[in-house]
Amino acid sequence: MPRPSTPLISRKTAVAASIEIIDQDGLEAFSLPRLAKHLGVRAPSLYHHFSDKNEILTEVARYIAGTSVRRPRMRPGPDWPEYFVALALNFRQSILKHRNAAPVLLQYLPRDLFVPTYEETAEFLLASGVPAALHVQILDGMETLAIGAVLMEAMRPTGTRQTIFPNVDPESQPLLTDALAENPLTRRQLFESMVRSFLHGIVRDNDLPG
């Protein structure tokens, strides 16, 4: 399809509008005609910036899971796990702000999204006394843990501590019912605890400072 000679919108504006549509009405409501109408342009104007719908959704995923996630300050030292805890919590906050986009992230999240930041992070780990032999374990583990846990949470309905495991039957599952009743942690606290356990396990297993 030939592109108009003069761009009427920016790439950034189109991505922001796409997120607005998905946040408001869900992924099933998103289409190029709907996006064009939302922006007040004709659909061919979108082809100045994107080859197709898939490219737009890839940029939506890149923004939500990458650009909009606030990176905490790196302070090398024995408290290095706290950087990853803070980053994971910021990542969770950004994803849950756009729950309707969870299917977009599952399908379109660029596999290399976080790689450009890993060189700086590896330098931070070395300065904190973490040997290079553990860097892949930490970086890959944190990526897998955070993405998996947060997207799973985003796909579930919101609820209380008691609804962390939905549809539990007190009669046939009394122990699980009691466990939910005794659980003092919110979903956020459970996620934070899981991240800390992973990182502190690496510290303990490898006799690292911390």
N, C-alpha and C. Protein backbone atom coordinates (compact mmCIF):
# COMPACT_ATOMS: atom_id res chain seq x y z
N MET A 1 0.85 -1.19 0.00
CA MET A 1 0.00 0.00 0.00
C MET A 1 0.88 1.24 0.00
N PRO A 2 0.69 2.18 -0.92
CA PRO A 2 1.52 3.39 -0.92
C PRO A 2 1.26 4.23 0.30
N ARG A 3 2.31 4.87 0.79
CA ARG A 3 2.19 5.68 1.98
C ARG A 3 1.92 7.13 1.62
N PRO A 4 1.15 7.85 2.45
CA PRO A 4 0.96 9.27 2.20
C PRO A 4 2.30 10.00 2.22
N SER A 5 2.38 11.09 1.48
CA SER A 5 3.65 11.79 1.33
C SER A 5 4.08 12.51 2.59
N THR A 6 3.13 12.89 3.46
CA THR A 6 3.45 13.66 4.67
C THR A 6 2.88 12.96 5.90
N PRO A 7 3.72 12.65 6.90
CA PRO A 7 3.20 12.01 8.12
C PRO A 7 2.25 12.93 8.86
N LEU A 8 1.12 12.39 9.29
CA LEU A 8 0.13 13.17 10.04
C LEU A 8 0.22 12.90 11.54
N ILE A 9 0.90 11.84 11.92
CA ILE A 9 1.04 11.46 13.32
C ILE A 9 2.47 11.00 13.56
N SER A 10 2.84 10.86 14.82
CA SER A 10 4.17 10.34 15.16
C SER A 10 4.05 8.89 15.62
N ARG A 11 5.15 8.20 15.57
CA ARG A 11 5.20 6.81 16.03
C ARG A 11 4.83 6.73 17.51
N LYS A 12 5.37 7.65 18.28
CA LYS A 12 5.11 7.67 19.72
C LYS A 12 3.63 7.89 20.01
N THR A 13 3.00 8.80 19.27
CA THR A 13 1.59 9.09 19.46
C THR A 13 0.73 7.87 19.13
N ALA A 14 1.10 7.16 18.08
CA ALA A 14 0.33 5.98 17.67
C ALA A 14 0.42 4.88 18.72
N VAL A 15 1.60 4.68 19.30
CA VAL A 15 1.77 3.66 20.34
C VAL A 15 0.95 4.04 21.57
N ALA A 16 1.02 5.31 21.97
CA ALA A 16 0.25 5.76 23.13
C ALA A 16 -1.25 5.58 22.91
N ALA A 17 -1.71 5.89 21.71
CA ALA A 17 -3.14 5.73 21.41
C ALA A 17 -3.53 4.26 21.41
N SER A 18 -2.65 3.41 20.92
CA SER A 18 -2.93 1.97 20.93
C SER A 18 -3.10 1.46 22.35
N ILE A 19 -2.24 1.92 23.25
CA ILE A 19 -2.33 1.51 24.65
C ILE A 19 -3.63 2.01 25.27
N GLU A 20 -4.04 3.23 24.92
CA GLU A 20 -5.30 3.76 25.44
C GLU A 20 -6.48 2.89 25.02
N ILE A 21 -6.50 2.48 23.77
CA ILE A 21 -7.60 1.65 23.27
C ILE A 21 -7.62 0.30 24.00
N ILE A 22 -6.46 -0.32 24.12
CA ILE A 22 -6.38 -1.64 24.76
C ILE A 22 -6.73 -1.53 26.25
N ASP A 23 -6.23 -0.49 26.92
CA ASP A 23 -6.56 -0.30 28.33
C ASP A 23 -8.06 -0.13 28.53
N GLN A 24 -8.68 0.61 27.66
CA GLN A 24 -10.09 0.94 27.83
C GLN A 24 -11.02 -0.20 27.42
N ASP A 25 -10.73 -0.82 26.28
CA ASP A 25 -11.70 -1.76 25.71
C ASP A 25 -11.16 -3.17 25.47
N GLY A 26 -9.90 -3.40 25.76
CA GLY A 26 -9.33 -4.73 25.58
C GLY A 26 -8.70 -4.93 24.22
N LEU A 27 -7.88 -5.96 24.12
CA LEU A 27 -7.15 -6.23 22.89
C LEU A 27 -8.08 -6.52 21.72
N GLU A 28 -9.21 -7.17 21.99
CA GLU A 28 -10.13 -7.53 20.92
C GLU A 28 -10.71 -6.31 20.23
N ALA A 29 -10.67 -5.14 20.90
CA ALA A 29 -11.21 -3.91 20.31
C ALA A 29 -10.19 -3.20 19.43
N PHE A 30 -8.94 -3.65 19.49
CA PHE A 30 -7.87 -2.94 18.77
C PHE A 30 -7.80 -3.39 17.31
N SER A 31 -7.75 -2.42 16.42
CA SER A 31 -7.57 -2.67 15.00
C SER A 31 -6.97 -1.41 14.38
N LEU A 32 -6.43 -1.52 13.20
CA LEU A 32 -5.87 -0.34 12.54
C LEU A 32 -6.95 0.69 12.24
N PRO A 33 -8.13 0.32 11.75
CA PRO A 33 -9.17 1.33 11.56
C PRO A 33 -9.58 2.01 12.86
N ARG A 34 -9.66 1.24 13.95
CA ARG A 34 -10.02 1.84 15.25
C ARG A 34 -8.93 2.79 15.71
N LEU A 35 -7.67 2.41 15.53
CA LEU A 35 -6.57 3.28 15.91
C LEU A 35 -6.58 4.56 15.08
N ALA A 36 -6.77 4.43 13.78
CA ALA A 36 -6.80 5.60 12.92
C ALA A 36 -7.92 6.56 13.33
N LYS A 37 -9.10 6.01 13.61
CA LYS A 37 -10.22 6.84 14.04
C LYS A 37 -9.90 7.54 15.35
N HIS A 38 -9.27 6.81 16.27
CA HIS A 38 -8.88 7.38 17.57
C HIS A 38 -7.93 8.56 17.38
N LEU A 39 -7.07 8.48 16.39
CA LEU A 39 -6.08 9.52 16.13
C LEU A 39 -6.61 10.61 15.21
N GLY A 40 -7.77 10.39 14.63
CA GLY A 40 -8.34 11.38 13.73
C GLY A 40 -7.68 11.42 12.36
N VAL A 41 -7.19 10.26 11.92
CA VAL A 41 -6.55 10.18 10.61
C VAL A 41 -7.14 8.99 9.86
N ARG A 42 -6.72 8.82 8.62
CA ARG A 42 -7.11 7.65 7.85
C ARG A 42 -6.05 6.56 8.05
N ALA A 43 -6.47 5.31 7.92
CA ALA A 43 -5.58 4.19 8.19
C ALA A 43 -4.25 4.25 7.43
N PRO A 44 -4.22 4.70 6.16
CA PRO A 44 -2.93 4.74 5.45
C PRO A 44 -1.87 5.60 6.13
N SER A 45 -2.29 6.56 6.96
CA SER A 45 -1.32 7.39 7.66
C SER A 45 -0.45 6.57 8.61
N LEU A 46 -0.99 5.46 9.10
CA LEU A 46 -0.23 4.62 10.03
C LEU A 46 0.96 3.97 9.35
N TYR A 47 0.89 3.82 8.02
CA TYR A 47 1.96 3.12 7.31
C TYR A 47 3.19 3.99 7.10
N HIS A 48 3.14 5.24 7.54
CA HIS A 48 4.37 6.03 7.60
C HIS A 48 5.33 5.47 8.63
N HIS A 49 4.77 4.83 9.66
CA HIS A 49 5.57 4.45 10.82
C HIS A 49 5.60 2.94 11.09
N PHE A 50 4.61 2.22 10.62
CA PHE A 50 4.51 0.79 10.93
C PHE A 50 4.17 0.00 9.67
N SER A 51 4.76 -1.16 9.55
CA SER A 51 4.48 -1.98 8.37
C SER A 51 3.14 -2.70 8.49
N ASP A 52 2.74 -3.02 9.72
CA ASP A 52 1.48 -3.72 9.92
C ASP A 52 1.08 -3.64 11.39
N LYS A 53 -0.04 -4.28 11.72
CA LYS A 53 -0.57 -4.29 13.09
C LYS A 53 0.41 -4.95 14.05
N ASN A 54 1.08 -6.01 13.61
CA ASN A 54 2.01 -6.72 14.48
C ASN A 54 3.14 -5.82 14.95
N GLU A 55 3.62 -4.96 14.08
CA GLU A 55 4.70 -4.05 14.47
C GLU A 55 4.22 -3.06 15.53
N ILE A 56 2.99 -2.60 15.40
CA ILE A 56 2.44 -1.68 16.41
C ILE A 56 2.35 -2.38 17.76
N LEU A 57 1.85 -3.60 17.76
CA LEU A 57 1.69 -4.32 19.02
C LEU A 57 3.04 -4.68 19.63
N THR A 58 4.05 -4.91 18.80
CA THR A 58 5.39 -5.13 19.32
C THR A 58 5.90 -3.89 20.04
N GLU A 59 5.62 -2.72 19.48
CA GLU A 59 6.05 -1.47 20.12
C GLU A 59 5.24 -1.19 21.38
N VAL A 60 3.99 -1.61 21.40
CA VAL A 60 3.18 -1.49 22.62
C VAL A 60 3.82 -2.33 23.73
N ALA A 61 4.19 -3.56 23.40
CA ALA A 61 4.83 -4.43 24.39
C ALA A 61 6.16 -3.85 24.84
N ARG A 62 6.92 -3.32 23.90
CA ARG A 62 8.23 -2.74 24.23
C ARG A 62 8.08 -1.57 25.20
N TYR A 63 7.06 -0.75 24.98
CA TYR A 63 6.85 0.41 25.85
C TYR A 63 6.43 -0.02 27.25
N ILE A 64 5.42 -0.89 27.34
CA ILE A 64 4.86 -1.26 28.64
C ILE A 64 5.88 -2.01 29.49
N ALA A 65 6.60 -2.95 28.87
CA ALA A 65 7.52 -3.79 29.64
C ALA A 65 8.93 -3.23 29.70
N GLY A 66 9.22 -2.20 28.92
CA GLY A 66 10.58 -1.66 28.90
C GLY A 66 10.66 -0.18 29.16
N THR A 67 10.20 0.63 28.22
CA THR A 67 10.36 2.08 28.30
C THR A 67 9.73 2.67 29.54
N SER A 68 8.54 2.19 29.91
CA SER A 68 7.81 2.80 31.02
C SER A 68 8.24 2.29 32.39
N VAL A 69 9.12 1.29 32.42
CA VAL A 69 9.56 0.72 33.71
C VAL A 69 10.69 1.57 34.27
N ARG A 70 10.49 2.11 35.44
CA ARG A 70 11.51 2.97 36.05
C ARG A 70 12.66 2.12 36.57
N ARG A 71 13.89 2.49 36.17
CA ARG A 71 15.07 1.76 36.63
C ARG A 71 15.62 2.41 37.89
N PRO A 72 15.74 1.64 38.98
CA PRO A 72 16.29 2.20 40.22
C PRO A 72 17.78 2.51 40.06
N ARG A 73 18.27 3.28 40.97
CA ARG A 73 19.69 3.64 40.96
C ARG A 73 20.53 2.42 41.38
N MET A 74 21.63 2.23 40.66
CA MET A 74 22.54 1.13 41.00
C MET A 74 23.54 1.60 42.04
N ARG A 75 23.58 0.89 43.17
CA ARG A 75 24.54 1.20 44.23
C ARG A 75 25.35 -0.07 44.51
N PRO A 76 26.51 -0.21 43.90
CA PRO A 76 27.30 -1.44 44.08
C PRO A 76 27.60 -1.70 45.54
N GLY A 77 27.56 -2.96 45.93
CA GLY A 77 27.85 -3.32 47.31
C GLY A 77 27.11 -4.58 47.69
N PRO A 78 27.20 -4.97 48.94
CA PRO A 78 26.58 -6.22 49.40
C PRO A 78 25.06 -6.21 49.32
N ASP A 79 24.45 -5.04 49.20
CA ASP A 79 22.99 -4.96 49.07
C ASP A 79 22.53 -5.01 47.62
N TRP A 80 23.39 -5.54 46.72
CA TRP A 80 23.04 -5.56 45.30
C TRP A 80 21.69 -6.22 44.99
N PRO A 81 21.24 -7.24 45.78
CA PRO A 81 19.92 -7.82 45.45
C PRO A 81 18.78 -6.81 45.51
N GLU A 82 18.94 -5.75 46.32
CA GLU A 82 17.86 -4.78 46.46
C GLU A 82 17.59 -4.04 45.15
N TYR A 83 18.61 -3.90 44.31
CA TYR A 83 18.39 -3.29 43.00
C TYR A 83 17.41 -4.13 42.19
N PHE A 84 17.64 -5.43 42.17
CA PHE A 84 16.78 -6.32 41.39
C PHE A 84 15.38 -6.41 41.98
N VAL A 85 15.27 -6.36 43.29
CA VAL A 85 13.95 -6.37 43.93
C VAL A 85 13.16 -5.13 43.51
N ALA A 86 13.81 -3.96 43.59
CA ALA A 86 13.14 -2.71 43.23
C ALA A 86 12.76 -2.71 41.75
N LEU A 87 13.67 -3.18 40.91
CA LEU A 87 13.39 -3.22 39.47
C LEU A 87 12.22 -4.15 39.18
N ALA A 88 12.19 -5.31 39.83
CA ALA A 88 11.10 -6.27 39.61
C ALA A 88 9.77 -5.68 40.05
N LEU A 89 9.75 -4.97 41.16
CA LEU A 89 8.51 -4.35 41.63
C LEU A 89 8.06 -3.25 40.68
N ASN A 90 9.00 -2.48 40.14
CA ASN A 90 8.64 -1.46 39.16
C ASN A 90 8.09 -2.09 37.88
N PHE A 91 8.69 -3.20 37.47
CA PHE A 91 8.22 -3.93 36.29
C PHE A 91 6.78 -4.41 36.53
N ARG A 92 6.55 -4.99 37.70
CA ARG A 92 5.21 -5.47 38.04
C ARG A 92 4.20 -4.34 38.00
N GLN A 93 4.56 -3.20 38.56
CA GLN A 93 3.64 -2.05 38.59
C GLN A 93 3.28 -1.60 37.18
N SER A 94 4.26 -1.55 36.30
CA SER A 94 4.01 -1.11 34.93
C SER A 94 3.09 -2.07 34.19
N ILE A 95 3.32 -3.38 34.35
CA ILE A 95 2.50 -4.37 33.67
C ILE A 95 1.07 -4.34 34.19
N LEU A 96 0.90 -4.31 35.51
CA LEU A 96 -0.44 -4.36 36.08
C LEU A 96 -1.23 -3.08 35.83
N LYS A 97 -0.54 -2.03 35.49
CA LYS A 97 -1.22 -0.79 35.10
C LYS A 97 -1.95 -0.97 33.77
N HIS A 98 -1.51 -1.95 33.00
CA HIS A 98 -2.08 -2.20 31.68
C HIS A 98 -2.47 -3.69 31.57
N ARG A 99 -3.34 -4.13 32.45
CA ARG A 99 -3.71 -5.55 32.50
C ARG A 99 -4.27 -6.06 31.17
N ASN A 100 -5.04 -5.24 30.48
CA ASN A 100 -5.64 -5.68 29.23
C ASN A 100 -4.60 -5.99 28.16
N ALA A 101 -3.38 -5.49 28.37
CA ALA A 101 -2.32 -5.71 27.39
C ALA A 101 -1.53 -6.98 27.67
N ALA A 102 -1.89 -7.72 28.70
CA ALA A 102 -1.14 -8.94 29.02
C ALA A 102 -1.05 -9.90 27.83
N PRO A 103 -2.13 -10.12 27.06
CA PRO A 103 -1.99 -10.99 25.89
C PRO A 103 -1.02 -10.44 24.86
N VAL A 104 -0.93 -9.12 24.76
CA VAL A 104 0.03 -8.51 23.83
C VAL A 104 1.45 -8.84 24.27
N LEU A 105 1.70 -8.76 25.55
CA LEU A 105 3.03 -9.04 26.07
C LEU A 105 3.40 -10.50 25.87
N LEU A 106 2.44 -11.37 26.05
CA LEU A 106 2.71 -12.80 25.86
C LEU A 106 3.12 -13.10 24.43
N GLN A 107 2.51 -12.43 23.47
CA GLN A 107 2.74 -12.76 22.07
C GLN A 107 3.81 -11.90 21.41
N TYR A 108 3.91 -10.63 21.82
CA TYR A 108 4.72 -9.69 21.06
C TYR A 108 5.93 -9.14 21.81
N LEU A 109 6.14 -9.53 23.05
CA LEU A 109 7.28 -9.00 23.79
C LEU A 109 8.58 -9.36 23.09
N PRO A 110 9.39 -8.38 22.68
CA PRO A 110 10.64 -8.69 21.97
C PRO A 110 11.58 -9.52 22.84
N ARG A 111 12.13 -10.58 22.28
CA ARG A 111 12.98 -11.48 23.05
C ARG A 111 14.26 -10.78 23.53
N ASP A 112 14.69 -9.76 22.81
CA ASP A 112 15.92 -9.07 23.17
C ASP A 112 15.67 -7.76 23.91
N LEU A 113 14.48 -7.59 24.46
CA LEU A 113 14.11 -6.30 25.05
C LEU A 113 15.08 -5.85 26.12
N PHE A 114 15.51 -6.76 26.99
CA PHE A 114 16.31 -6.37 28.15
C PHE A 114 17.81 -6.47 27.92
N VAL A 115 18.21 -7.10 26.83
CA VAL A 115 19.63 -7.35 26.59
C VAL A 115 20.47 -6.07 26.58
N PRO A 116 20.00 -4.96 25.97
CA PRO A 116 20.85 -3.76 25.95
C PRO A 116 21.24 -3.23 27.33
N THR A 117 20.45 -3.54 28.36
CA THR A 117 20.76 -3.06 29.71
C THR A 117 21.66 -4.01 30.48
N TYR A 118 21.88 -5.21 29.95
CA TYR A 118 22.59 -6.23 30.71
C TYR A 118 24.08 -5.95 30.84
N GLU A 119 24.67 -5.23 29.91
CA GLU A 119 26.09 -4.91 30.03
C GLU A 119 26.34 -4.03 31.25
N GLU A 120 25.50 -3.01 31.40
CA GLU A 120 25.61 -2.13 32.56
C GLU A 120 25.32 -2.90 33.85
N THR A 121 24.35 -3.79 33.80
CA THR A 121 24.00 -4.57 34.98
C THR A 121 25.13 -5.53 35.36
N ALA A 122 25.79 -6.12 34.35
CA ALA A 122 26.92 -7.00 34.62
C ALA A 122 28.06 -6.22 35.28
N GLU A 123 28.27 -5.00 34.83
CA GLU A 123 29.30 -4.15 35.45
C GLU A 123 28.95 -3.87 36.91
N PHE A 124 27.67 -3.62 37.16
CA PHE A 124 27.19 -3.39 38.52
C PHE A 124 27.40 -4.62 39.41
N LEU A 125 27.12 -5.80 38.86
CA LEU A 125 27.31 -7.04 39.62
C LEU A 125 28.78 -7.27 39.95
N LEU A 126 29.66 -7.05 38.97
CA LEU A 126 31.10 -7.20 39.23
C LEU A 126 31.57 -6.25 40.33
N ALA A 127 31.10 -5.01 40.25
CA ALA A 127 31.48 -4.02 41.26
C ALA A 127 30.93 -4.38 42.63
N SER A 128 29.90 -5.22 42.66
CA SER A 128 29.30 -5.64 43.93
C SER A 128 29.91 -6.93 44.46
N GLY A 129 30.93 -7.46 43.76
CA GLY A 129 31.59 -8.67 44.21
C GLY A 129 30.95 -9.96 43.73
N VAL A 130 30.07 -9.86 42.73
CA VAL A 130 29.41 -11.05 42.18
C VAL A 130 30.21 -11.53 40.97
N PRO A 131 30.77 -12.75 41.00
CA PRO A 131 31.62 -13.20 39.89
C PRO A 131 30.83 -13.38 38.60
N ALA A 132 31.54 -13.24 37.48
CA ALA A 132 30.91 -13.31 36.16
C ALA A 132 30.22 -14.65 35.92
N ALA A 133 30.71 -15.70 36.56
CA ALA A 133 30.11 -17.03 36.37
C ALA A 133 28.66 -17.09 36.84
N LEU A 134 28.23 -16.13 37.66
CA LEU A 134 26.86 -16.13 38.16
C LEU A 134 25.95 -15.14 37.43
N HIS A 135 26.51 -14.34 36.54
CA HIS A 135 25.72 -13.26 35.94
C HIS A 135 24.57 -13.78 35.08
N VAL A 136 24.82 -14.78 34.27
CA VAL A 136 23.75 -15.32 33.42
C VAL A 136 22.66 -15.93 34.29
N GLN A 137 23.06 -16.64 35.33
CA GLN A 137 22.06 -17.24 36.23
C GLN A 137 21.16 -16.17 36.83
N ILE A 138 21.75 -15.06 37.24
CA ILE A 138 20.98 -13.98 37.85
C ILE A 138 20.11 -13.27 36.82
N LEU A 139 20.70 -12.88 35.69
CA LEU A 139 19.97 -12.10 34.69
C LEU A 139 18.86 -12.92 34.03
N ASP A 140 19.18 -14.13 33.63
CA ASP A 140 18.17 -14.97 32.99
C ASP A 140 17.09 -15.38 34.00
N GLY A 141 17.52 -15.68 35.22
CA GLY A 141 16.57 -16.07 36.25
C GLY A 141 15.60 -14.95 36.59
N MET A 142 16.12 -13.73 36.73
CA MET A 142 15.25 -12.61 37.04
C MET A 142 14.29 -12.31 35.90
N GLU A 143 14.78 -12.41 34.67
CA GLU A 143 13.92 -12.16 33.51
C GLU A 143 12.79 -13.18 33.46
N THR A 144 13.13 -14.45 33.62
CA THR A 144 12.13 -15.51 33.56
C THR A 144 11.14 -15.41 34.72
N LEU A 145 11.66 -15.18 35.91
CA LEU A 145 10.82 -15.09 37.10
C LEU A 145 9.85 -13.92 37.02
N ALA A 146 10.37 -12.73 36.69
CA ALA A 146 9.53 -11.54 36.69
C ALA A 146 8.47 -11.59 35.60
N ILE A 147 8.89 -11.94 34.38
CA ILE A 147 7.92 -11.98 33.29
C ILE A 147 6.85 -13.02 33.55
N GLY A 148 7.27 -14.22 33.93
CA GLY A 148 6.30 -15.28 34.16
C GLY A 148 5.33 -14.97 35.27
N ALA A 149 5.84 -14.53 36.41
CA ALA A 149 4.98 -14.28 37.56
C ALA A 149 4.04 -13.11 37.32
N VAL A 150 4.56 -12.03 36.74
CA VAL A 150 3.74 -10.84 36.58
C VAL A 150 2.67 -11.04 35.50
N LEU A 151 3.04 -11.67 34.40
CA LEU A 151 2.03 -11.90 33.36
C LEU A 151 0.95 -12.86 33.84
N MET A 152 1.33 -13.85 34.63
CA MET A 152 0.33 -14.75 35.20
C MET A 152 -0.63 -13.97 36.10
N GLU A 153 -0.08 -13.06 36.91
CA GLU A 153 -0.93 -12.26 37.78
C GLU A 153 -1.82 -11.33 36.97
N ALA A 154 -1.27 -10.76 35.91
CA ALA A 154 -2.05 -9.82 35.08
C ALA A 154 -3.22 -10.50 34.39
N MET A 155 -3.07 -11.78 34.08
CA MET A 155 -4.12 -12.52 33.38
C MET A 155 -5.23 -12.96 34.34
N ARG A 156 -4.96 -12.91 35.62
CA ARG A 156 -5.95 -13.32 36.61
C ARG A 156 -6.79 -12.13 37.05
N PRO A 157 -8.02 -12.36 37.52
CA PRO A 157 -8.80 -11.26 38.07
C PRO A 157 -8.19 -10.77 39.37
N THR A 158 -8.37 -9.49 39.65
CA THR A 158 -7.88 -8.95 40.91
C THR A 158 -8.69 -9.52 42.06
N GLY A 159 -8.09 -9.50 43.25
CA GLY A 159 -8.80 -10.07 44.39
C GLY A 159 -8.04 -9.83 45.68
N THR A 160 -8.45 -10.55 46.72
CA THR A 160 -7.86 -10.42 48.04
C THR A 160 -6.88 -11.56 48.29
N ARG A 161 -6.32 -11.60 49.49
CA ARG A 161 -5.43 -12.70 49.87
C ARG A 161 -6.15 -14.05 49.74
N GLN A 162 -7.43 -14.03 50.09
CA GLN A 162 -8.19 -15.28 50.09
C GLN A 162 -8.51 -15.78 48.67
N THR A 163 -8.39 -14.90 47.67
CA THR A 163 -8.70 -15.31 46.30
C THR A 163 -7.45 -15.52 45.46
N ILE A 164 -6.30 -15.66 46.11
CA ILE A 164 -5.08 -15.93 45.37
C ILE A 164 -5.20 -17.22 44.59
N PHE A 165 -5.79 -18.25 45.25
CA PHE A 165 -6.17 -19.49 44.55
C PHE A 165 -7.69 -19.49 44.45
N PRO A 166 -8.25 -19.23 43.28
CA PRO A 166 -9.71 -19.11 43.18
C PRO A 166 -10.40 -20.47 43.27
N ASN A 167 -11.66 -20.40 43.65
CA ASN A 167 -12.54 -21.58 43.64
C ASN A 167 -12.05 -22.71 44.54
N VAL A 168 -11.47 -22.36 45.68
CA VAL A 168 -11.07 -23.38 46.64
C VAL A 168 -12.29 -23.81 47.45
N ASP A 169 -12.48 -25.10 47.53
CA ASP A 169 -13.64 -25.67 48.23
C ASP A 169 -13.24 -26.03 49.67
N PRO A 170 -13.79 -25.37 50.67
CA PRO A 170 -13.42 -25.65 52.06
C PRO A 170 -13.65 -27.09 52.48
N GLU A 171 -14.62 -27.75 51.89
CA GLU A 171 -14.92 -29.12 52.30
C GLU A 171 -13.92 -30.12 51.74
N SER A 172 -13.61 -30.01 50.47
CA SER A 172 -12.69 -30.96 49.86
C SER A 172 -11.23 -30.52 49.95
N GLN A 173 -10.99 -29.23 50.24
CA GLN A 173 -9.63 -28.71 50.32
C GLN A 173 -9.45 -27.89 51.61
N PRO A 174 -9.64 -28.54 52.75
CA PRO A 174 -9.61 -27.79 54.01
C PRO A 174 -8.23 -27.22 54.35
N LEU A 175 -7.17 -27.97 54.01
CA LEU A 175 -5.83 -27.48 54.34
C LEU A 175 -5.47 -26.25 53.52
N LEU A 176 -5.81 -26.26 52.24
CA LEU A 176 -5.56 -25.10 51.40
C LEU A 176 -6.41 -23.92 51.84
N THR A 177 -7.63 -24.20 52.25
CA THR A 177 -8.50 -23.14 52.77
C THR A 177 -7.89 -22.49 54.00
N ASP A 178 -7.36 -23.33 54.91
CA ASP A 178 -6.72 -22.80 56.11
C ASP A 178 -5.47 -21.99 55.75
N ALA A 179 -4.70 -22.49 54.78
CA ALA A 179 -3.48 -21.78 54.37
C ALA A 179 -3.80 -20.39 53.83
N LEU A 180 -4.85 -20.30 53.04
CA LEU A 180 -5.24 -18.99 52.51
C LEU A 180 -5.71 -18.07 53.62
N ALA A 181 -6.40 -18.62 54.58
CA ALA A 181 -6.89 -17.81 55.70
C ALA A 181 -5.73 -17.30 56.56
N GLU A 182 -4.66 -18.11 56.67
CA GLU A 182 -3.52 -17.74 57.50
C GLU A 182 -2.48 -16.91 56.75
N ASN A 183 -2.59 -16.84 55.44
CA ASN A 183 -1.59 -16.11 54.65
C ASN A 183 -1.65 -14.61 54.95
N PRO A 184 -0.55 -14.01 55.44
CA PRO A 184 -0.58 -12.58 55.77
C PRO A 184 -0.14 -11.68 54.62
N LEU A 185 0.26 -12.26 53.49
CA LEU A 185 0.90 -11.48 52.43
C LEU A 185 -0.07 -11.13 51.31
N THR A 186 0.06 -9.89 50.82
CA THR A 186 -0.68 -9.48 49.64
C THR A 186 -0.02 -10.07 48.40
N ARG A 187 -0.64 -9.91 47.25
CA ARG A 187 -0.04 -10.39 46.01
C ARG A 187 1.31 -9.72 45.76
N ARG A 188 1.38 -8.44 46.03
CA ARG A 188 2.64 -7.71 45.85
C ARG A 188 3.71 -8.26 46.78
N GLN A 189 3.35 -8.49 48.02
CA GLN A 189 4.32 -9.01 48.99
C GLN A 189 4.75 -10.43 48.65
N LEU A 190 3.84 -11.24 48.12
CA LEU A 190 4.21 -12.59 47.69
C LEU A 190 5.23 -12.53 46.54
N PHE A 191 5.00 -11.63 45.60
CA PHE A 191 5.93 -11.47 44.48
C PHE A 191 7.29 -11.01 44.98
N GLU A 192 7.30 -10.01 45.86
CA GLU A 192 8.56 -9.51 46.40
C GLU A 192 9.30 -10.61 47.16
N SER A 193 8.57 -11.39 47.94
CA SER A 193 9.18 -12.48 48.68
C SER A 193 9.79 -13.52 47.75
N MET A 194 9.11 -13.81 46.66
CA MET A 194 9.61 -14.78 45.69
C MET A 194 10.92 -14.30 45.05
N VAL A 195 10.97 -13.02 44.70
CA VAL A 195 12.19 -12.46 44.10
C VAL A 195 13.33 -12.49 45.10
N ARG A 196 13.05 -12.08 46.34
CA ARG A 196 14.10 -12.09 47.37
C ARG A 196 14.61 -13.51 47.62
N SER A 197 13.72 -14.47 47.65
CA SER A 197 14.14 -15.85 47.90
C SER A 197 15.09 -16.33 46.80
N PHE A 198 14.78 -16.00 45.56
CA PHE A 198 15.65 -16.39 44.44
C PHE A 198 17.04 -15.77 44.59
N LEU A 199 17.09 -14.47 44.85
CA LEU A 199 18.37 -13.76 44.92
C LEU A 199 19.17 -14.17 46.16
N HIS A 200 18.50 -14.28 47.29
CA HIS A 200 19.20 -14.65 48.52
C HIS A 200 19.66 -16.10 48.46
N GLY A 201 18.96 -16.93 47.70
CA GLY A 201 19.42 -18.30 47.49
C GLY A 201 20.75 -18.32 46.74
N ILE A 202 20.90 -17.46 45.75
CA ILE A 202 22.17 -17.37 45.02
C ILE A 202 23.28 -16.87 45.94
N VAL A 203 22.96 -15.88 46.76
CA VAL A 203 23.94 -15.36 47.72
C VAL A 203 24.39 -16.47 48.67
N ARG A 204 23.43 -17.20 49.22
CA ARG A 204 23.74 -18.25 50.19
C ARG A 204 24.50 -19.41 49.54
N ASP A 205 24.06 -19.85 48.38
CA ASP A 205 24.66 -21.03 47.76
C ASP A 205 26.07 -20.79 47.27
N ASN A 206 26.41 -19.51 47.06
CA ASN A 206 27.73 -19.20 46.51
C ASN A 206 28.60 -18.40 47.47
N ASP A 207 28.16 -18.32 48.74
CA ASP A 207 28.95 -17.61 49.78
C ASP A 207 29.31 -16.20 49.34
N LEU A 208 28.34 -15.49 48.79
CA LEU A 208 28.58 -14.12 48.35
C LEU A 208 28.37 -13.16 49.51
N PRO A 209 28.98 -11.99 49.44
CA PRO A 209 28.71 -10.98 50.47
C PRO A 209 27.26 -10.51 50.36
N GLY A 210 26.63 -10.33 51.48
CA GLY A 210 25.25 -9.87 51.46
C GLY A 210 24.45 -10.46 52.60
